[in-house]
Amino acid sequence: MKKIIPVLLIALILSYVSSCEKDDICVDGDTPYLVIGFYDIADTTEFKEVSSLRIKAIDNDSVLDNDSFNDRADSPDSLLVPLRIDNTNTSYQFILDSEDDSETDQETGNIDTLIISYSTREAFVSRACGFVMNYDGINIALPSGSENWIQDIKVVESTVENTNNIHVKIFH
């Protein structure tokens, strides 16, 4: 009996320690971004950089008002765009050849407005990370205009669960 108690005690401690999960560090707990790739309209398999691109968020609730990124310094062929988690659509102005007009203090360039609609879905990652938001049914609308620099849009993956692949292709 004296030999069984220490063996059981050791077995109990080992089973407790081995069942513990180290989850105090969150590695994969970020809500994914929408990945947009820019492609050549003449050769739809080739990436095409966008010169002096600025992206500005448009929002009536002013959560994203005046929020801009991709600050003209880069000429990207793809980029990551955040989507709102508290709404089912997000709108952005994609401004080609963006510049500041010093006389009028206005931004100039060819502006196309994209309206991205989707549904949101929470996904549990782990105890340390908690929940992240995923997006389903991605749909993008581009109001038509004679001076649109964006000539076509194709949704490649309508579900956004990670940022590993391009979700949307923009042809210009």
C-alpha atoms as a PDB file:
ATOM      1  CA  MET A   1       0.000   0.000   0.000  1.00  0.00           C
ATOM      2  CA  LYS A   2       2.870   2.327   0.803  1.00  0.00           C
ATOM      3  CA  LYS A   3       4.283   1.756  -2.698  1.00  0.00           C
ATOM      4  CA  ILE A   4       0.976   2.398  -4.482  1.00  0.00           C
ATOM      5  CA  ILE A   5       0.324   5.856  -2.972  1.00  0.00           C
ATOM      6  CA  PRO A   6       3.550   7.473  -4.296  1.00  0.00           C
ATOM      7  CA  VAL A   7       3.049   5.870  -7.704  1.00  0.00           C
ATOM      8  CA  LEU A   8      -0.536   7.146  -7.894  1.00  0.00           C
ATOM      9  CA  LEU A   9       0.556  10.582  -6.699  1.00  0.00           C
ATOM     10  CA  ILE A  10       3.268  10.787  -9.372  1.00  0.00           C
ATOM     11  CA  ALA A  11       0.850   9.561 -12.048  1.00  0.00           C
ATOM     12  CA  LEU A  12      -1.726  12.168 -10.975  1.00  0.00           C
ATOM     13  CA  ILE A  13       0.832  14.995 -11.072  1.00  0.00           C
ATOM     14  CA  LEU A  14       2.151  13.922 -14.485  1.00  0.00           C
ATOM     15  CA  SER A  15      -1.336  13.698 -15.963  1.00  0.00           C
ATOM     16  CA  TYR A  16      -2.184  17.162 -14.599  1.00  0.00           C
ATOM     17  CA  VAL A  17       1.011  18.770 -15.914  1.00  0.00           C
ATOM     18  CA  SER A  18       0.741  17.115 -19.334  1.00  0.00           C
ATOM     19  CA  SER A  19      -2.859  18.265 -19.770  1.00  0.00           C
ATOM     20  CA  CYS A  20      -2.035  21.910 -19.122  1.00  0.00           C
ATOM     21  CA  GLU A  21      -2.018  24.148 -22.160  1.00  0.00           C
ATOM     22  CA  LYS A  22       0.395  27.035 -22.385  1.00  0.00           C
ATOM     23  CA  ASP A  23      -1.865  29.670 -23.850  1.00  0.00           C
ATOM     24  CA  ASP A  24      -0.685  32.837 -22.191  1.00  0.00           C
ATOM     25  CA  ILE A  25       0.829  34.075 -25.454  1.00  0.00           C
ATOM     26  CA  CYS A  26      -1.420  34.851 -28.376  1.00  0.00           C
ATOM     27  CA  VAL A  27       0.289  34.256 -31.713  1.00  0.00           C
ATOM     28  CA  ASP A  28      -2.575  33.876 -34.202  1.00  0.00           C
ATOM     29  CA  GLY A  29      -5.231  36.045 -32.636  1.00  0.00           C
ATOM     30  CA  ASP A  30      -5.659  38.941 -35.029  1.00  0.00           C
ATOM     31  CA  THR A  31      -8.751  39.620 -37.064  1.00  0.00           C
ATOM     32  CA  PRO A  32      -7.664  39.124 -40.693  1.00  0.00           C
ATOM     33  CA  TYR A  33      -7.420  41.899 -43.246  1.00  0.00           C
ATOM     34  CA  LEU A  34      -8.870  41.840 -46.735  1.00  0.00           C
ATOM     35  CA  VAL A  35      -5.977  41.230 -49.156  1.00  0.00           C
ATOM     36  CA  ILE A  36      -6.279  43.163 -52.419  1.00  0.00           C
ATOM     37  CA  GLY A  37      -4.027  42.514 -55.406  1.00  0.00           C
ATOM     38  CA  PHE A  38      -3.621  44.946 -58.296  1.00  0.00           C
ATOM     39  CA  TYR A  39      -3.400  43.416 -61.762  1.00  0.00           C
ATOM     40  CA  ASP A  40      -2.834  44.563 -65.316  1.00  0.00           C
ATOM     41  CA  ILE A  41      -6.089  44.745 -67.270  1.00  0.00           C
ATOM     42  CA  ALA A  42      -4.234  43.770 -70.478  1.00  0.00           C
ATOM     43  CA  ASP A  43      -2.626  40.671 -68.901  1.00  0.00           C
ATOM     44  CA  THR A  44      -4.844  39.581 -66.001  1.00  0.00           C
ATOM     45  CA  THR A  45      -2.194  37.228 -64.579  1.00  0.00           C
ATOM     46  CA  GLU A  46       0.443  39.949 -64.075  1.00  0.00           C
ATOM     47  CA  PHE A  47       0.628  42.167 -61.014  1.00  0.00           C
ATOM     48  CA  LYS A  48       0.643  45.901 -61.766  1.00  0.00           C
ATOM     49  CA  GLU A  49       1.786  48.533 -59.288  1.00  0.00           C
ATOM     50  CA  VAL A  50      -0.384  51.540 -58.511  1.00  0.00           C
ATOM     51  CA  SER A  51       1.429  54.868 -58.535  1.00  0.00           C
ATOM     52  CA  SER A  52       1.024  57.263 -55.598  1.00  0.00           C
ATOM     53  CA  LEU A  53      -1.914  55.339 -54.152  1.00  0.00           C
ATOM     54  CA  ARG A  54      -3.685  56.639 -51.081  1.00  0.00           C
ATOM     55  CA  ILE A  55      -6.629  54.905 -49.483  1.00  0.00           C
ATOM     56  CA  LYS A  56      -9.071  56.859 -47.333  1.00  0.00           C
ATOM     57  CA  ALA A  57     -11.847  55.354 -45.261  1.00  0.00           C
ATOM     58  CA  ILE A  58     -15.333  56.748 -45.700  1.00  0.00           C
ATOM     59  CA  ASP A  59     -17.793  56.298 -42.875  1.00  0.00           C
ATOM     60  CA  ASN A  60     -20.910  58.072 -41.758  1.00  0.00           C
ATOM     61  CA  ASP A  61     -20.408  56.979 -38.143  1.00  0.00           C
ATOM     62  CA  SER A  62     -16.952  58.629 -38.065  1.00  0.00           C
ATOM     63  CA  VAL A  63     -15.262  55.519 -36.676  1.00  0.00           C
ATOM     64  CA  LEU A  64     -12.911  55.498 -39.652  1.00  0.00           C
ATOM     65  CA  ASP A  65     -13.292  59.127 -40.812  1.00  0.00           C
ATOM     66  CA  ASN A  66     -10.093  60.673 -42.104  1.00  0.00           C
ATOM     67  CA  ASP A  67      -8.349  57.376 -41.583  1.00  0.00           C
ATOM     68  CA  SER A  68      -5.953  56.929 -44.478  1.00  0.00           C
ATOM     69  CA  PHE A  69      -3.138  54.567 -45.215  1.00  0.00           C
ATOM     70  CA  ASN A  70      -0.744  53.590 -47.959  1.00  0.00           C
ATOM     71  CA  ASP A  71       0.706  57.029 -47.913  1.00  0.00           C
ATOM     72  CA  ARG A  72       1.718  57.544 -51.562  1.00  0.00           C
ATOM     73  CA  ALA A  73       5.325  56.546 -50.819  1.00  0.00           C
ATOM     74  CA  ASP A  74       4.767  53.019 -52.023  1.00  0.00           C
ATOM     75  CA  SER A  75       3.555  51.785 -55.361  1.00  0.00           C
ATOM     76  CA  PRO A  76       1.977  48.545 -54.205  1.00  0.00           C
ATOM     77  CA  ASP A  77       0.900  45.575 -56.256  1.00  0.00           C
ATOM     78  CA  SER A  78      -1.073  44.270 -53.257  1.00  0.00           C
ATOM     79  CA  LEU A  79      -2.108  45.524 -49.838  1.00  0.00           C
ATOM     80  CA  LEU A  80      -4.036  44.670 -46.677  1.00  0.00           C
ATOM     81  CA  VAL A  81      -7.261  46.547 -45.955  1.00  0.00           C
ATOM     82  CA  PRO A  82      -9.055  46.419 -42.585  1.00  0.00           C
ATOM     83  CA  LEU A  83     -12.791  45.808 -42.535  1.00  0.00           C
ATOM     84  CA  ARG A  84     -15.180  47.085 -39.884  1.00  0.00           C
ATOM     85  CA  ILE A  85     -16.247  44.538 -37.300  1.00  0.00           C
ATOM     86  CA  ASP A  86     -19.207  46.591 -36.047  1.00  0.00           C
ATOM     87  CA  ASN A  87     -20.939  46.910 -39.417  1.00  0.00           C
ATOM     88  CA  THR A  88     -21.635  44.864 -42.539  1.00  0.00           C
ATOM     89  CA  ASN A  89     -19.953  47.230 -44.987  1.00  0.00           C
ATOM     90  CA  THR A  90     -16.842  49.355 -45.266  1.00  0.00           C
ATOM     91  CA  SER A  91     -16.206  52.079 -47.849  1.00  0.00           C
ATOM     92  CA  TYR A  92     -12.872  53.357 -49.096  1.00  0.00           C
ATOM     93  CA  GLN A  93     -11.644  55.907 -51.590  1.00  0.00           C
ATOM     94  CA  PHE A  94      -8.786  54.523 -53.685  1.00  0.00           C
ATOM     95  CA  ILE A  95      -6.930  57.586 -54.976  1.00  0.00           C
ATOM     96  CA  LEU A  96      -4.570  57.061 -57.922  1.00  0.00           C
ATOM     97  CA  ASP A  97      -1.772  59.646 -58.381  1.00  0.00           C
ATOM     98  CA  SER A  98      -2.683  61.249 -55.076  1.00  0.00           C
ATOM     99  CA  GLU A  99      -1.201  64.671 -54.310  1.00  0.00           C
ATOM    100  CA  ASP A 100      -1.944  67.583 -52.005  1.00  0.00           C
ATOM    101  CA  ASP A 101      -2.887  70.815 -53.772  1.00  0.00           C
ATOM    102  CA  SER A 102      -1.117  73.534 -51.780  1.00  0.00           C
ATOM    103  CA  GLU A 103      -3.440  76.291 -53.011  1.00  0.00           C
ATOM    104  CA  THR A 104      -6.759  74.674 -52.118  1.00  0.00           C
ATOM    105  CA  ASP A 105      -5.470  72.338 -49.391  1.00  0.00           C
ATOM    106  CA  GLN A 106      -7.401  69.548 -51.130  1.00  0.00           C
ATOM    107  CA  GLU A 107      -6.253  66.157 -52.257  1.00  0.00           C
ATOM    108  CA  THR A 108      -6.110  65.600 -55.991  1.00  0.00           C
ATOM    109  CA  GLY A 109      -5.955  62.457 -58.062  1.00  0.00           C
ATOM    110  CA  ASN A 110      -8.278  59.985 -59.695  1.00  0.00           C
ATOM    111  CA  ILE A 111     -10.679  58.833 -56.949  1.00  0.00           C
ATOM    112  CA  ASP A 112     -12.638  55.591 -57.119  1.00  0.00           C
ATOM    113  CA  THR A 113     -14.915  54.651 -54.242  1.00  0.00           C
ATOM    114  CA  LEU A 114     -15.276  50.989 -53.293  1.00  0.00           C
ATOM    115  CA  ILE A 115     -18.111  49.739 -51.110  1.00  0.00           C
ATOM    116  CA  ILE A 116     -17.249  46.400 -49.523  1.00  0.00           C
ATOM    117  CA  SER A 117     -20.166  44.453 -48.050  1.00  0.00           C
ATOM    118  CA  TYR A 118     -19.982  41.239 -46.028  1.00  0.00           C
ATOM    119  CA  SER A 119     -21.344  39.388 -43.033  1.00  0.00           C
ATOM    120  CA  THR A 120     -19.311  38.916 -39.857  1.00  0.00           C
ATOM    121  CA  ARG A 121     -18.688  35.740 -37.923  1.00  0.00           C
ATOM    122  CA  GLU A 122     -16.830  35.304 -34.635  1.00  0.00           C
ATOM    123  CA  ALA A 123     -14.287  32.488 -34.407  1.00  0.00           C
ATOM    124  CA  PHE A 124     -12.692  31.241 -31.198  1.00  0.00           C
ATOM    125  CA  VAL A 125      -8.891  31.037 -31.498  1.00  0.00           C
ATOM    126  CA  SER A 126      -7.707  30.089 -27.999  1.00  0.00           C
ATOM    127  CA  ARG A 127      -8.045  31.126 -24.372  1.00  0.00           C
ATOM    128  CA  ALA A 128      -5.174  33.594 -24.721  1.00  0.00           C
ATOM    129  CA  CYS A 129      -6.378  35.094 -28.009  1.00  0.00           C
ATOM    130  CA  GLY A 130     -10.100  34.886 -27.448  1.00  0.00           C
ATOM    131  CA  PHE A 131     -12.308  35.533 -30.459  1.00  0.00           C
ATOM    132  CA  VAL A 132     -11.473  37.042 -33.830  1.00  0.00           C
ATOM    133  CA  MET A 133     -13.858  38.265 -36.490  1.00  0.00           C
ATOM    134  CA  ASN A 134     -14.024  36.538 -39.854  1.00  0.00           C
ATOM    135  CA  TYR A 135     -15.888  37.835 -42.893  1.00  0.00           C
ATOM    136  CA  ASP A 136     -18.162  35.899 -45.230  1.00  0.00           C
ATOM    137  CA  GLY A 137     -19.828  36.758 -48.535  1.00  0.00           C
ATOM    138  CA  ILE A 138     -17.426  39.497 -49.599  1.00  0.00           C
ATOM    139  CA  ASN A 139     -18.975  41.650 -52.304  1.00  0.00           C
ATOM    140  CA  ILE A 140     -17.469  44.830 -53.756  1.00  0.00           C
ATOM    141  CA  ALA A 141     -19.366  47.570 -55.561  1.00  0.00           C
ATOM    142  CA  LEU A 142     -17.693  50.270 -57.653  1.00  0.00           C
ATOM    143  CA  PRO A 143     -20.035  53.079 -58.686  1.00  0.00           C
ATOM    144  CA  SER A 144     -19.580  53.512 -62.422  1.00  0.00           C
ATOM    145  CA  GLY A 145     -18.003  56.623 -63.810  1.00  0.00           C
ATOM    146  CA  SER A 146     -16.316  57.712 -66.998  1.00  0.00           C
ATOM    147  CA  GLU A 147     -13.003  58.396 -65.271  1.00  0.00           C
ATOM    148  CA  ASN A 148     -12.698  55.257 -63.136  1.00  0.00           C
ATOM    149  CA  TRP A 149      -9.117  54.059 -63.058  1.00  0.00           C
ATOM    150  CA  ILE A 150     -10.313  50.717 -61.689  1.00  0.00           C
ATOM    151  CA  GLN A 151     -11.624  48.870 -64.722  1.00  0.00           C
ATOM    152  CA  ASP A 152     -12.711  45.574 -63.179  1.00  0.00           C
ATOM    153  CA  ILE A 153     -12.937  43.828 -59.798  1.00  0.00           C
ATOM    154  CA  LYS A 154     -12.998  40.099 -59.137  1.00  0.00           C
ATOM    155  CA  VAL A 155     -13.626  38.516 -55.734  1.00  0.00           C
ATOM    156  CA  VAL A 156     -11.355  35.460 -55.641  1.00  0.00           C
ATOM    157  CA  GLU A 157     -12.147  34.295 -52.095  1.00  0.00           C
ATOM    158  CA  SER A 158     -15.440  35.436 -50.613  1.00  0.00           C
ATOM    159  CA  THR A 159     -14.449  34.336 -47.093  1.00  0.00           C
ATOM    160  CA  VAL A 160     -11.740  36.195 -45.163  1.00  0.00           C
ATOM    161  CA  GLU A 161     -10.274  33.972 -42.446  1.00  0.00           C
ATOM    162  CA  ASN A 162      -6.573  34.738 -42.918  1.00  0.00           C
ATOM    163  CA  THR A 163      -4.234  37.017 -44.827  1.00  0.00           C
ATOM    164  CA  ASN A 164      -2.318  34.270 -46.646  1.00  0.00           C
ATOM    165  CA  ASN A 165      -3.996  34.680 -50.046  1.00  0.00           C
ATOM    166  CA  ILE A 166      -5.407  37.449 -52.208  1.00  0.00           C
ATOM    167  CA  HIS A 167      -9.143  37.797 -51.681  1.00  0.00           C
ATOM    168  CA  VAL A 168      -9.865  40.496 -54.269  1.00  0.00           C
ATOM    169  CA  LYS A 169      -8.248  41.317 -57.617  1.00  0.00           C
ATOM    170  CA  ILE A 170      -8.451  44.875 -58.936  1.00  0.00           C
ATOM    171  CA  PHE A 171      -7.664  45.332 -62.614  1.00  0.00           C
ATOM    172  CA  HIS A 172      -6.437  48.679 -63.917  1.00  0.00           C
END
